[in-house]
């Protein structure tokens, strides 16, 4: 795989990480399964690429690592909020619906 194709695939992973961080900022959970597989595939392609192409993709890899660090920070922040109780209400509202009353009704007129 050439450097241009690797750059394109790395940018797709970076975009997915950006979306994940935005979801976390909104208090949502994220599924990183697809990202994990994409990274695994890119790593295999890098290992199989020409040695001469590797320096051209090094900056993109460094940027990708920084994006993963930012995602780790966002996950840590979400975890801290959830432990403190902030965010649990949001998760419960999303799971059960914000308009439900505590007595099990829909919260709509009687």
C-alpha atoms as a PDB file:
ATOM      1  CA  UNK A   1       0.000   0.000   0.000  1.00  0.00           C
ATOM      2  CA  UNK A   2       1.374   3.395  -0.901  1.00  0.00           C
ATOM      3  CA  UNK A   3       1.678   6.419   1.374  1.00  0.00           C
ATOM      4  CA  UNK A   4      -1.291   8.231  -0.186  1.00  0.00           C
ATOM      5  CA  UNK A   5      -3.650   5.350   0.502  1.00  0.00           C
ATOM      6  CA  UNK A   6      -2.329   5.025   4.053  1.00  0.00           C
ATOM      7  CA  UNK A   7      -2.866   8.745   4.635  1.00  0.00           C
ATOM      8  CA  UNK A   8      -6.470   8.411   3.451  1.00  0.00           C
ATOM      9  CA  UNK A   9      -7.145   5.492   5.778  1.00  0.00           C
ATOM     10  CA  UNK A  10      -5.441   7.197   8.716  1.00  0.00           C
ATOM     11  CA  UNK A  11      -7.556  10.319   8.133  1.00  0.00           C
ATOM     12  CA  UNK A  12     -10.700   8.153   8.191  1.00  0.00           C
ATOM     13  CA  UNK A  13      -9.650   6.809  11.593  1.00  0.00           C
ATOM     14  CA  UNK A  14      -8.944  10.346  12.820  1.00  0.00           C
ATOM     15  CA  UNK A  15     -12.441  11.415  11.713  1.00  0.00           C
ATOM     16  CA  UNK A  16     -13.974   8.470  13.600  1.00  0.00           C
ATOM     17  CA  UNK A  17     -12.036   9.501  16.721  1.00  0.00           C
ATOM     18  CA  UNK A  18     -13.315  13.060  16.321  1.00  0.00           C
ATOM     19  CA  UNK A  19     -16.891  11.775  16.147  1.00  0.00           C
ATOM     20  CA  UNK A  20     -16.287   9.610  19.224  1.00  0.00           C
ATOM     21  CA  UNK A  21     -14.940  12.594  21.182  1.00  0.00           C
ATOM     22  CA  UNK A  22     -17.953  14.681  20.157  1.00  0.00           C
ATOM     23  CA  UNK A  23     -20.296  11.903  21.332  1.00  0.00           C
ATOM     24  CA  UNK A  24     -18.511  11.730  24.666  1.00  0.00           C
ATOM     25  CA  UNK A  25     -18.806  15.500  25.047  1.00  0.00           C
ATOM     26  CA  UNK A  26     -22.581  15.070  24.673  1.00  0.00           C
ATOM     27  CA  UNK A  27     -22.582  12.433  27.423  1.00  0.00           C
ATOM     28  CA  UNK A  28     -23.120   9.537  25.042  1.00  0.00           C
ATOM     29  CA  UNK A  29     -21.272   6.247  25.019  1.00  0.00           C
ATOM     30  CA  UNK A  30     -19.111   5.155  22.098  1.00  0.00           C
ATOM     31  CA  UNK A  31     -18.328   1.853  20.414  1.00  0.00           C
ATOM     32  CA  UNK A  32     -14.699   1.702  19.338  1.00  0.00           C
ATOM     33  CA  UNK A  33     -14.852  -1.761  17.784  1.00  0.00           C
ATOM     34  CA  UNK A  34     -14.667  -0.511  14.194  1.00  0.00           C
ATOM     35  CA  UNK A  35     -11.819   1.829  15.035  1.00  0.00           C
ATOM     36  CA  UNK A  36      -9.843  -1.006  16.554  1.00  0.00           C
ATOM     37  CA  UNK A  37     -10.156  -3.085  13.398  1.00  0.00           C
ATOM     38  CA  UNK A  38      -9.259  -0.122  11.154  1.00  0.00           C
ATOM     39  CA  UNK A  39      -6.112   0.553  13.206  1.00  0.00           C
ATOM     40  CA  UNK A  40      -5.158  -3.111  13.077  1.00  0.00           C
ATOM     41  CA  UNK A  41      -5.499  -3.086   9.267  1.00  0.00           C
ATOM     42  CA  UNK A  42      -3.483   0.136   8.881  1.00  0.00           C
ATOM     43  CA  UNK A  43      -0.731  -1.250  11.105  1.00  0.00           C
ATOM     44  CA  UNK A  44      -0.562  -4.384   8.965  1.00  0.00           C
ATOM     45  CA  UNK A  45      -0.406  -2.250   5.819  1.00  0.00           C
ATOM     46  CA  UNK A  46       2.371  -0.113   7.281  1.00  0.00           C
ATOM     47  CA  UNK A  47       4.334  -3.218   8.174  1.00  0.00           C
ATOM     48  CA  UNK A  48       3.945  -4.431   4.600  1.00  0.00           C
ATOM     49  CA  UNK A  49       4.708  -1.074   2.983  1.00  0.00           C
ATOM     50  CA  UNK A  50       7.968  -0.108   1.352  1.00  0.00           C
ATOM     51  CA  UNK A  51      10.494   1.160   3.856  1.00  0.00           C
ATOM     52  CA  UNK A  52      10.952   4.257   1.684  1.00  0.00           C
ATOM     53  CA  UNK A  53       7.249   5.174   2.135  1.00  0.00           C
ATOM     54  CA  UNK A  54       7.277   5.043   5.921  1.00  0.00           C
ATOM     55  CA  UNK A  55       8.828   8.470   6.641  1.00  0.00           C
ATOM     56  CA  UNK A  56       6.056  10.086   4.570  1.00  0.00           C
ATOM     57  CA  UNK A  57       3.362   8.692   6.865  1.00  0.00           C
ATOM     58  CA  UNK A  58       5.156   9.285  10.162  1.00  0.00           C
ATOM     59  CA  UNK A  59       3.545  12.731  10.772  1.00  0.00           C
ATOM     60  CA  UNK A  60       0.077  11.251  10.176  1.00  0.00           C
ATOM     61  CA  UNK A  61       0.824   8.476  12.647  1.00  0.00           C
ATOM     62  CA  UNK A  62       1.976  11.022  15.243  1.00  0.00           C
ATOM     63  CA  UNK A  63      -1.258  12.991  14.727  1.00  0.00           C
ATOM     64  CA  UNK A  64      -3.268   9.777  15.093  1.00  0.00           C
ATOM     65  CA  UNK A  65      -1.532   8.998  18.372  1.00  0.00           C
ATOM     66  CA  UNK A  66      -2.373  12.507  19.613  1.00  0.00           C
ATOM     67  CA  UNK A  67      -6.011  11.904  18.645  1.00  0.00           C
ATOM     68  CA  UNK A  68      -6.040   8.670  20.633  1.00  0.00           C
ATOM     69  CA  UNK A  69      -4.565  10.526  23.603  1.00  0.00           C
ATOM     70  CA  UNK A  70      -7.348  13.120  23.333  1.00  0.00           C
ATOM     71  CA  UNK A  71      -9.952  10.342  23.189  1.00  0.00           C
ATOM     72  CA  UNK A  72      -8.407   8.716  26.261  1.00  0.00           C
ATOM     73  CA  UNK A  73      -8.662  12.049  28.076  1.00  0.00           C
ATOM     74  CA  UNK A  74     -12.330  12.399  27.029  1.00  0.00           C
ATOM     75  CA  UNK A  75     -13.101   8.861  28.206  1.00  0.00           C
ATOM     76  CA  UNK A  76     -11.397   9.578  31.515  1.00  0.00           C
ATOM     77  CA  UNK A  77     -13.421  12.759  31.942  1.00  0.00           C
ATOM     78  CA  UNK A  78     -16.666  10.943  31.184  1.00  0.00           C
ATOM     79  CA  UNK A  79     -15.730   8.258  33.712  1.00  0.00           C
ATOM     80  CA  UNK A  80     -15.006  10.892  36.378  1.00  0.00           C
ATOM     81  CA  UNK A  81     -18.370  12.579  35.682  1.00  0.00           C
ATOM     82  CA  UNK A  82     -20.207   9.271  35.916  1.00  0.00           C
ATOM     83  CA  UNK A  83     -18.538   8.347  39.196  1.00  0.00           C
ATOM     84  CA  UNK A  84     -19.458  11.752  40.601  1.00  0.00           C
ATOM     85  CA  UNK A  85     -23.067  11.159  39.546  1.00  0.00           C
ATOM     86  CA  UNK A  86     -23.009  13.696  36.743  1.00  0.00           C
ATOM     87  CA  UNK A  87     -24.012  11.953  33.589  1.00  0.00           C
ATOM     88  CA  UNK A  88     -25.907   9.130  35.251  1.00  0.00           C
ATOM     89  CA  UNK A  89     -29.082  11.193  35.058  1.00  0.00           C
ATOM     90  CA  UNK A  90     -28.424  11.810  31.369  1.00  0.00           C
ATOM     91  CA  UNK A  91     -27.855   8.104  30.765  1.00  0.00           C
ATOM     92  CA  UNK A  92     -31.037   7.209  32.639  1.00  0.00           C
ATOM     93  CA  UNK A  93     -33.071   9.775  30.728  1.00  0.00           C
ATOM     94  CA  UNK A  94     -31.763   8.440  27.441  1.00  0.00           C
ATOM     95  CA  UNK A  95     -32.541   4.859  28.458  1.00  0.00           C
ATOM     96  CA  UNK A  96     -36.002   5.456  29.913  1.00  0.00           C
ATOM     97  CA  UNK A  97     -37.212   8.619  28.250  1.00  0.00           C
ATOM     98  CA  UNK A  98     -37.086  12.099  29.734  1.00  0.00           C
ATOM     99  CA  UNK A  99     -40.853  12.505  29.898  1.00  0.00           C
ATOM    100  CA  UNK A 100     -41.577   9.573  32.227  1.00  0.00           C
ATOM    101  CA  UNK A 101     -42.763  10.321  35.716  1.00  0.00           C
ATOM    102  CA  UNK A 102     -41.280   8.509  38.736  1.00  0.00           C
ATOM    103  CA  UNK A 103     -44.551   6.576  39.270  1.00  0.00           C
ATOM    104  CA  UNK A 104     -44.120   4.688  36.021  1.00  0.00           C
ATOM    105  CA  UNK A 105     -46.478   6.791  33.933  1.00  0.00           C
ATOM    106  CA  UNK A 106     -45.589   8.465  30.712  1.00  0.00           C
ATOM    107  CA  UNK A 107     -45.657  11.904  32.258  1.00  0.00           C
ATOM    108  CA  UNK A 108     -48.341  12.958  29.812  1.00  0.00           C
ATOM    109  CA  UNK A 109     -51.827  14.109  30.826  1.00  0.00           C
ATOM    110  CA  UNK A 110     -53.974  11.857  33.008  1.00  0.00           C
END
